[in-house]
């Protein structure tokens, strides 16, 4: 389970890097969303729900 989550997080991290021309105008949206997902996952790990 944890390996799958780490793989998904790695793919999301690669997806938020603005190196492609179509994603340069997205601004902080993708990285902000990734931060929220990471905070939720850390909270779930600390409370033992994951």
PDB file of N, CA and C in Angstrom:
ATOM      1  N   UNK A   1       0.828  -1.198   0.000  1.00  0.00           N
ATOM      2  CA  UNK A   1       0.000   0.000   0.000  1.00  0.00           C
ATOM      3  C   UNK A   1       0.868   1.256   0.000  1.00  0.00           C
ATOM      4  N   UNK A   2       1.897   1.253   0.874  1.00  0.00           N
ATOM      5  CA  UNK A   2       2.753   2.433   0.975  1.00  0.00           C
ATOM      6  C   UNK A   2       3.569   2.642  -0.303  1.00  0.00           C
ATOM      7  N   UNK A   3       3.971   1.553  -0.957  1.00  0.00           N
ATOM      8  CA  UNK A   3       4.724   1.661  -2.203  1.00  0.00           C
ATOM      9  C   UNK A   3       3.905   2.298  -3.310  1.00  0.00           C
ATOM     10  N   UNK A   4       2.628   1.941  -3.351  1.00  0.00           N
ATOM     11  CA  UNK A   4       1.739   2.522  -4.369  1.00  0.00           C
ATOM     12  C   UNK A   4       1.573   4.016  -4.126  1.00  0.00           C
ATOM     13  N   UNK A   5       1.416   4.411  -2.861  1.00  0.00           N
ATOM     14  CA  UNK A   5       1.269   5.834  -2.548  1.00  0.00           C
ATOM     15  C   UNK A   5       2.537   6.611  -2.885  1.00  0.00           C
ATOM     16  N   UNK A   6       3.684   6.018  -2.617  1.00  0.00           N
ATOM     17  CA  UNK A   6       4.942   6.688  -2.959  1.00  0.00           C
ATOM     18  C   UNK A   6       5.102   6.833  -4.466  1.00  0.00           C
ATOM     19  N   UNK A   7       4.686   5.830  -5.216  1.00  0.00           N
ATOM     20  CA  UNK A   7       4.744   5.916  -6.672  1.00  0.00           C
ATOM     21  C   UNK A   7       3.818   7.014  -7.188  1.00  0.00           C
ATOM     22  N   UNK A   8       2.629   7.101  -6.639  1.00  0.00           N
ATOM     23  CA  UNK A   8       1.680   8.152  -7.047  1.00  0.00           C
ATOM     24  C   UNK A   8       2.235   9.529  -6.704  1.00  0.00           C
ATOM     25  N   UNK A   9       2.822   9.673  -5.516  1.00  0.00           N
ATOM     26  CA  UNK A   9       3.410  10.954  -5.140  1.00  0.00           C
ATOM     27  C   UNK A   9       4.557  11.337  -6.054  1.00  0.00           C
ATOM     28  N   UNK A  10       5.373  10.370  -6.439  1.00  0.00           N
ATOM     29  CA  UNK A  10       6.477  10.646  -7.354  1.00  0.00           C
ATOM     30  C   UNK A  10       5.968  11.103  -8.714  1.00  0.00           C
ATOM     31  N   UNK A  11       4.936  10.446  -9.207  1.00  0.00           N
ATOM     32  CA  UNK A  11       4.355  10.849 -10.484  1.00  0.00           C
ATOM     33  C   UNK A  11       3.729  12.235 -10.409  1.00  0.00           C
ATOM     34  N   UNK A  12       3.086  12.542  -9.293  1.00  0.00           N
ATOM     35  CA  UNK A  12       2.518  13.879  -9.125  1.00  0.00           C
ATOM     36  C   UNK A  12       3.608  14.940  -9.056  1.00  0.00           C
ATOM     37  N   UNK A  13       4.714  14.618  -8.389  1.00  0.00           N
ATOM     38  CA  UNK A  13       5.830  15.567  -8.332  1.00  0.00           C
ATOM     39  C   UNK A  13       6.401  15.833  -9.711  1.00  0.00           C
ATOM     40  N   UNK A  14       6.498  14.812 -10.535  1.00  0.00           N
ATOM     41  CA  UNK A  14       6.972  15.016 -11.905  1.00  0.00           C
ATOM     42  C   UNK A  14       5.965  15.813 -12.724  1.00  0.00           C
ATOM     43  N   UNK A  15       4.701  15.648 -12.422  1.00  0.00           N
ATOM     44  CA  UNK A  15       3.662  16.346 -13.174  1.00  0.00           C
ATOM     45  C   UNK A  15       3.546  17.826 -12.862  1.00  0.00           C
ATOM     46  N   UNK A  16       4.028  18.269 -11.689  1.00  0.00           N
ATOM     47  CA  UNK A  16       3.874  19.677 -11.348  1.00  0.00           C
ATOM     48  C   UNK A  16       5.056  20.531 -11.779  1.00  0.00           C
ATOM     49  N   UNK A  17       6.088  19.902 -12.318  1.00  0.00           N
ATOM     50  CA  UNK A  17       7.244  20.669 -12.785  1.00  0.00           C
ATOM     51  C   UNK A  17       6.860  21.371 -14.088  1.00  0.00           C
ATOM     52  N   UNK A  18       6.920  22.703 -14.117  1.00  0.00           N
ATOM     53  CA  UNK A  18       6.466  23.446 -15.303  1.00  0.00           C
ATOM     54  C   UNK A  18       7.519  23.529 -16.412  1.00  0.00           C
ATOM     55  N   UNK A  19       7.890  22.397 -16.978  1.00  0.00           N
ATOM     56  CA  UNK A  19       8.885  22.416 -18.042  1.00  0.00           C
ATOM     57  C   UNK A  19       8.262  22.265 -19.422  1.00  0.00           C
ATOM     58  N   UNK A  20       7.000  21.894 -19.487  1.00  0.00           N
ATOM     59  CA  UNK A  20       6.344  21.750 -20.764  1.00  0.00           C
ATOM     60  C   UNK A  20       5.634  23.056 -21.115  1.00  0.00           C
ATOM     61  N   UNK A  21       5.609  23.411 -22.378  1.00  0.00           N
ATOM     62  CA  UNK A  21       5.021  24.715 -22.778  1.00  0.00           C
ATOM     63  C   UNK A  21       3.564  24.890 -22.357  1.00  0.00           C
ATOM     64  N   UNK A  22       2.775  23.830 -22.363  1.00  0.00           N
ATOM     65  CA  UNK A  22       1.356  23.984 -22.025  1.00  0.00           C
ATOM     66  C   UNK A  22       1.129  24.183 -20.531  1.00  0.00           C
ATOM     67  N   UNK A  23       2.115  23.887 -19.681  1.00  0.00           N
ATOM     68  CA  UNK A  23       1.901  23.998 -18.239  1.00  0.00           C
ATOM     69  C   UNK A  23       2.584  25.217 -17.615  1.00  0.00           C
ATOM     70  N   UNK A  24       3.205  26.032 -18.408  1.00  0.00           N
ATOM     71  CA  UNK A  24       3.911  27.189 -17.854  1.00  0.00           C
ATOM     72  C   UNK A  24       2.958  28.242 -17.278  1.00  0.00           C
ATOM     73  N   UNK A  25       1.763  28.316 -17.766  1.00  0.00           N
ATOM     74  CA  UNK A  25       0.827  29.343 -17.303  1.00  0.00           C
ATOM     75  C   UNK A  25      -0.051  28.872 -16.154  1.00  0.00           C
ATOM     76  N   UNK A  26       0.168  27.694 -15.624  1.00  0.00           N
ATOM     77  CA  UNK A  26      -0.674  27.171 -14.552  1.00  0.00           C
ATOM     78  C   UNK A  26      -0.409  27.838 -13.222  1.00  0.00           C
ATOM     79  N   UNK A  27       0.750  28.409 -13.031  1.00  0.00           N
ATOM     80  CA  UNK A  27       1.068  29.094 -11.785  1.00  0.00           C
ATOM     81  C   UNK A  27       1.275  28.129 -10.629  1.00  0.00           C
ATOM     82  N   UNK A  28       0.767  28.496  -9.454  1.00  0.00           N
ATOM     83  CA  UNK A  28       0.973  27.701  -8.249  1.00  0.00           C
ATOM     84  C   UNK A  28      -0.104  26.652  -8.014  1.00  0.00           C
ATOM     85  N   UNK A  29      -1.045  26.507  -8.909  1.00  0.00           N
ATOM     86  CA  UNK A  29      -2.140  25.565  -8.733  1.00  0.00           C
ATOM     87  C   UNK A  29      -1.708  24.128  -8.494  1.00  0.00           C
ATOM     88  N   UNK A  30      -0.948  23.535  -9.395  1.00  0.00           N
ATOM     89  CA  UNK A  30      -0.554  22.128  -9.196  1.00  0.00           C
ATOM     90  C   UNK A  30       0.309  21.906  -7.959  1.00  0.00           C
ATOM     91  N   UNK A  31       1.237  22.806  -7.681  1.00  0.00           N
ATOM     92  CA  UNK A  31       2.092  22.603  -6.504  1.00  0.00           C
ATOM     93  C   UNK A  31       1.309  22.852  -5.218  1.00  0.00           C
ATOM     94  N   UNK A  32       0.337  23.736  -5.250  1.00  0.00           N
ATOM     95  CA  UNK A  32      -0.518  23.944  -4.079  1.00  0.00           C
ATOM     96  C   UNK A  32      -1.373  22.727  -3.798  1.00  0.00           C
ATOM     97  N   UNK A  33      -1.910  22.130  -4.849  1.00  0.00           N
ATOM     98  CA  UNK A  33      -2.696  20.916  -4.692  1.00  0.00           C
ATOM     99  C   UNK A  33      -1.836  19.774  -4.170  1.00  0.00           C
ATOM    100  N   UNK A  34      -0.620  19.676  -4.660  1.00  0.00           N
ATOM    101  CA  UNK A  34       0.294  18.638  -4.192  1.00  0.00           C
ATOM    102  C   UNK A  34       0.623  18.835  -2.722  1.00  0.00           C
ATOM    103  N   UNK A  35       0.769  20.072  -2.292  1.00  0.00           N
ATOM    104  CA  UNK A  35       1.052  20.350  -0.883  1.00  0.00           C
ATOM    105  C   UNK A  35      -0.112  19.913   0.003  1.00  0.00           C
ATOM    106  N   UNK A  36      -1.326  20.160  -0.435  1.00  0.00           N
ATOM    107  CA  UNK A  36      -2.497  19.747   0.333  1.00  0.00           C
ATOM    108  C   UNK A  36      -2.561  18.226   0.430  1.00  0.00           C
ATOM    109  N   UNK A  37      -2.280  17.534  -0.667  1.00  0.00           N
ATOM    110  CA  UNK A  37      -2.284  16.068  -0.654  1.00  0.00           C
ATOM    111  C   UNK A  37      -1.220  15.544   0.299  1.00  0.00           C
ATOM    112  N   UNK A  38      -0.030  16.135   0.279  1.00  0.00           N
ATOM    113  CA  UNK A  38       1.031  15.707   1.185  1.00  0.00           C
ATOM    114  C   UNK A  38       0.666  15.949   2.647  1.00  0.00           C
ATOM    115  N   UNK A  39       0.041  17.062   2.948  1.00  0.00           N
ATOM    116  CA  UNK A  39      -0.368  17.357   4.322  1.00  0.00           C
ATOM    117  C   UNK A  39      -1.405  16.343   4.790  1.00  0.00           C
ATOM    118  N   UNK A  40      -2.360  16.012   3.931  1.00  0.00           N
ATOM    119  CA  UNK A  40      -3.380  15.029   4.293  1.00  0.00           C
ATOM    120  C   UNK A  40      -2.749  13.663   4.523  1.00  0.00           C
ATOM    121  N   UNK A  41      -1.813  13.252   3.652  1.00  0.00           N
ATOM    122  CA  UNK A  41      -1.159  11.957   3.820  1.00  0.00           C
ATOM    123  C   UNK A  41      -0.313  11.905   5.088  1.00  0.00           C
ATOM    124  N   UNK A  42       0.387  12.974   5.405  1.00  0.00           N
ATOM    125  CA  UNK A  42       1.182  13.012   6.634  1.00  0.00           C
ATOM    126  C   UNK A  42       0.280  12.932   7.850  1.00  0.00           C
ATOM    127  N   UNK A  43      -0.832  13.642   7.819  1.00  0.00           N
ATOM    128  CA  UNK A  43      -1.790  13.579   8.915  1.00  0.00           C
ATOM    129  C   UNK A  43      -2.343  12.169   9.095  1.00  0.00           C
ATOM    130  N   UNK A  44      -2.660  11.515   7.974  1.00  0.00           N
ATOM    131  CA  UNK A  44      -3.187  10.159   8.045  1.00  0.00           C
ATOM    132  C   UNK A  44      -2.130   9.182   8.570  1.00  0.00           C
ATOM    133  N   UNK A  45      -0.890   9.374   8.194  1.00  0.00           N
ATOM    134  CA  UNK A  45       0.185   8.519   8.698  1.00  0.00           C
ATOM    135  C   UNK A  45       0.385   8.716  10.205  1.00  0.00           C
ATOM    136  N   UNK A  46       0.316   9.954  10.661  1.00  0.00           N
ATOM    137  CA  UNK A  46       0.526  10.235  12.070  1.00  0.00           C
ATOM    138  C   UNK A  46      -0.619   9.735  12.944  1.00  0.00           C
ATOM    139  N   UNK A  47      -1.827   9.731  12.417  1.00  0.00           N
ATOM    140  CA  UNK A  47      -2.962   9.267  13.203  1.00  0.00           C
ATOM    141  C   UNK A  47      -3.196   7.764  13.052  1.00  0.00           C
ATOM    142  N   UNK A  48      -2.445   7.100  12.185  1.00  0.00           N
ATOM    143  CA  UNK A  48      -2.550   5.661  12.045  1.00  0.00           C
ATOM    144  C   UNK A  48      -3.681   5.193  11.153  1.00  0.00           C
ATOM    145  N   UNK A  49      -4.225   6.032  10.336  1.00  0.00           N
ATOM    146  CA  UNK A  49      -5.333   5.649   9.462  1.00  0.00           C
ATOM    147  C   UNK A  49      -4.859   5.135   8.116  1.00  0.00           C
ATOM    148  N   UNK A  50      -3.588   5.135   7.892  1.00  0.00           N
ATOM    149  CA  UNK A  50      -3.064   4.694   6.611  1.00  0.00           C
ATOM    150  C   UNK A  50      -2.154   3.510   6.806  1.00  0.00           C
TER     151      UNK A  50
END
